[in-house]
Protein backbone atom coordinates (compact mmCIF):
# COMPACT_ATOMS: atom_id res chain seq x y z
CA MET A 1 37.83 -81.25 15.16
CA GLU A 2 38.43 -84.77 13.87
CA HIS A 3 35.54 -86.63 12.23
CA ILE A 4 34.60 -89.79 14.12
CA PRO A 5 32.68 -92.18 11.84
CA GLU A 6 29.52 -93.82 13.12
CA SER A 7 30.64 -97.09 11.59
CA LYS A 8 33.01 -98.34 8.93
CA PHE A 9 30.08 -98.62 6.51
CA GLU A 10 29.03 -95.00 7.10
CA ASP A 11 32.62 -93.84 6.70
CA LYS A 12 33.05 -95.76 3.42
CA ARG A 13 29.68 -94.47 2.19
CA SER A 14 30.72 -90.91 2.96
CA ILE A 15 34.04 -91.33 1.11
CA ILE A 16 32.27 -92.69 -1.99
CA ILE A 17 29.75 -89.84 -1.93
CA ASP A 18 32.62 -87.33 -1.69
CA HIS A 19 34.36 -88.90 -4.71
CA LEU A 20 31.16 -88.90 -6.77
CA VAL A 21 30.45 -85.25 -5.89
CA GLU A 22 34.01 -84.33 -6.97
CA GLN A 23 33.10 -85.83 -10.37
CA ASN A 24 29.91 -83.69 -10.43
CA VAL A 25 27.62 -86.66 -9.80
CA PHE A 26 24.82 -85.55 -7.49
CA LYS A 27 22.02 -87.93 -8.44
CA ILE A 28 21.86 -91.54 -9.60
CA ASP A 29 18.67 -92.76 -11.26
CA GLY A 30 16.92 -89.59 -10.10
CA ARG A 31 17.77 -90.15 -6.43
CA GLN A 32 20.05 -88.06 -4.24
CA LEU A 33 23.32 -89.78 -3.26
CA TYR A 34 22.49 -89.76 0.45
CA GLU A 35 19.28 -91.72 -0.30
CA LEU A 36 21.20 -94.64 -1.82
CA SER A 37 22.51 -97.70 -0.04
CA LEU A 38 26.22 -98.44 0.22
CA TYR A 39 25.79 -101.19 -2.38
CA GLU A 40 24.19 -98.84 -4.91
CA LEU A 41 26.89 -96.22 -4.31
CA MET A 42 29.70 -98.75 -4.69
CA LYS A 43 28.17 -100.07 -7.91
CA SER A 44 27.98 -96.57 -9.40
CA TYR A 45 31.43 -95.64 -8.10
CA THR A 46 33.12 -98.67 -9.66
CA GLU A 47 31.36 -98.05 -12.98
CA GLU A 48 32.59 -94.42 -12.98
CA VAL A 49 36.22 -95.25 -12.15
């Protein structure tokens, strides 16, 4: 079954979370990845890459 994103933002957020998890990043500043906003995730993702 193909994944249908709720929105482009949710899809992008999900992709970033997947990439961070692949790098064994599960928490940022003591918060779970799914608790963070897209902005916070993108900031952490660009710092990691």
